[in-house]
Amino acid sequence: MITKEMSIGQVLREHPQTAEIFLGMGMHCLGCPSATSESIEGAALTHGMQVDELIGKLNQNVQ
């Protein structure tokens, strides 16, 4: 299960297929140093999106 406290880098390492979700929601800098260590919650806030919506889509993708 993916949580909002997890880093983007951790999620991408464990579930590489989630890159499509991040990119589809406007997170295009997945490889930059801050993005790989930033929490999903922090990234969602930075990009002005709802963290619960992002987490829901990510978890649907890994089931």
C-alpha atoms as a PDB file:
ATOM      1  CA  MET A   1       0.000   0.000   0.000  1.00  0.00           C
ATOM      2  CA  ILE A   2       1.271   3.448  -0.938  1.00  0.00           C
ATOM      3  CA  THR A   3       0.947   6.188   1.679  1.00  0.00           C
ATOM      4  CA  LYS A   4       1.338   9.967   1.506  1.00  0.00           C
ATOM      5  CA  GLU A   5       4.422   9.780   3.735  1.00  0.00           C
ATOM      6  CA  MET A   6       6.351   7.657   1.231  1.00  0.00           C
ATOM      7  CA  SER A   7       8.842   9.382  -1.038  1.00  0.00           C
ATOM      8  CA  ILE A   8       8.249   9.535  -4.748  1.00  0.00           C
ATOM      9  CA  GLY A   9      11.577   7.770  -5.260  1.00  0.00           C
ATOM     10  CA  GLN A  10      10.563   4.886  -3.001  1.00  0.00           C
ATOM     11  CA  VAL A  11       7.263   4.444  -4.831  1.00  0.00           C
ATOM     12  CA  LEU A  12       8.984   4.513  -8.236  1.00  0.00           C
ATOM     13  CA  ARG A  13      11.600   1.962  -7.126  1.00  0.00           C
ATOM     14  CA  GLU A  14       8.986  -0.420  -5.736  1.00  0.00           C
ATOM     15  CA  HIS A  15       6.338   0.209  -8.396  1.00  0.00           C
ATOM     16  CA  PRO A  16       7.910   1.617 -11.594  1.00  0.00           C
ATOM     17  CA  GLN A  17       4.563   1.479 -13.387  1.00  0.00           C
ATOM     18  CA  THR A  18       3.346   4.368 -11.216  1.00  0.00           C
ATOM     19  CA  ALA A  19       5.462   6.788 -13.270  1.00  0.00           C
ATOM     20  CA  GLU A  20       2.538   6.976 -15.706  1.00  0.00           C
ATOM     21  CA  ILE A  21       0.245   8.153 -12.889  1.00  0.00           C
ATOM     22  CA  PHE A  22       2.668  10.823 -11.699  1.00  0.00           C
ATOM     23  CA  LEU A  23       3.247  12.058 -15.251  1.00  0.00           C
ATOM     24  CA  GLY A  24      -0.452  12.002 -16.063  1.00  0.00           C
ATOM     25  CA  MET A  25      -1.147  14.238 -13.074  1.00  0.00           C
ATOM     26  CA  GLY A  26       1.437  16.822 -14.116  1.00  0.00           C
ATOM     27  CA  MET A  27       4.480  15.691 -12.141  1.00  0.00           C
ATOM     28  CA  HIS A  28       7.019  15.759 -14.958  1.00  0.00           C
ATOM     29  CA  CYS A  29      10.266  16.021 -12.982  1.00  0.00           C
ATOM     30  CA  LEU A  30      10.338  12.545 -11.460  1.00  0.00           C
ATOM     31  CA  GLY A  31      14.092  12.172 -11.839  1.00  0.00           C
ATOM     32  CA  CYS A  32      15.167  15.422 -10.196  1.00  0.00           C
ATOM     33  CA  PRO A  33      16.861  15.065  -6.796  1.00  0.00           C
ATOM     34  CA  SER A  34      14.176  16.806  -4.766  1.00  0.00           C
ATOM     35  CA  ALA A  35      11.358  14.844  -6.382  1.00  0.00           C
ATOM     36  CA  THR A  36      12.907  11.487  -5.600  1.00  0.00           C
ATOM     37  CA  SER A  37      13.231  12.288  -1.901  1.00  0.00           C
ATOM     38  CA  GLU A  38      10.099  14.401  -1.507  1.00  0.00           C
ATOM     39  CA  SER A  39       7.041  12.846   0.108  1.00  0.00           C
ATOM     40  CA  ILE A  40       3.988  12.261  -2.027  1.00  0.00           C
ATOM     41  CA  GLU A  41       2.079  14.644   0.221  1.00  0.00           C
ATOM     42  CA  GLY A  42       4.675  17.376  -0.253  1.00  0.00           C
ATOM     43  CA  ALA A  43       4.725  16.904  -4.001  1.00  0.00           C
ATOM     44  CA  ALA A  44       0.930  17.015  -4.198  1.00  0.00           C
ATOM     45  CA  LEU A  45       0.882  20.274  -2.235  1.00  0.00           C
ATOM     46  CA  THR A  46       3.613  21.742  -4.451  1.00  0.00           C
ATOM     47  CA  HIS A  47       1.649  20.849  -7.576  1.00  0.00           C
ATOM     48  CA  GLY A  48      -1.694  22.016  -6.184  1.00  0.00           C
ATOM     49  CA  MET A  49      -3.386  18.642  -6.273  1.00  0.00           C
ATOM     50  CA  GLN A  50      -5.392  16.626  -3.787  1.00  0.00           C
ATOM     51  CA  VAL A  51      -3.112  14.120  -2.070  1.00  0.00           C
ATOM     52  CA  ASP A  52      -5.955  11.652  -1.435  1.00  0.00           C
ATOM     53  CA  GLU A  53      -6.816  11.583  -5.145  1.00  0.00           C
ATOM     54  CA  LEU A  54      -3.181  10.929  -6.068  1.00  0.00           C
ATOM     55  CA  ILE A  55      -2.789   8.198  -3.432  1.00  0.00           C
ATOM     56  CA  GLY A  56      -6.008   6.562  -4.633  1.00  0.00           C
ATOM     57  CA  LYS A  57      -4.819   6.454  -8.233  1.00  0.00           C
ATOM     58  CA  LEU A  58      -1.404   5.132  -7.243  1.00  0.00           C
ATOM     59  CA  ASN A  59      -2.869   2.351  -5.102  1.00  0.00           C
ATOM     60  CA  GLN A  60      -5.312   1.350  -7.849  1.00  0.00           C
ATOM     61  CA  ASN A  61      -2.358   1.050 -10.212  1.00  0.00           C
ATOM     62  CA  VAL A  62      -0.372  -1.309  -7.970  1.00  0.00           C
ATOM     63  CA  GLN A  63      -3.178  -3.737  -7.117  1.00  0.00           C
END
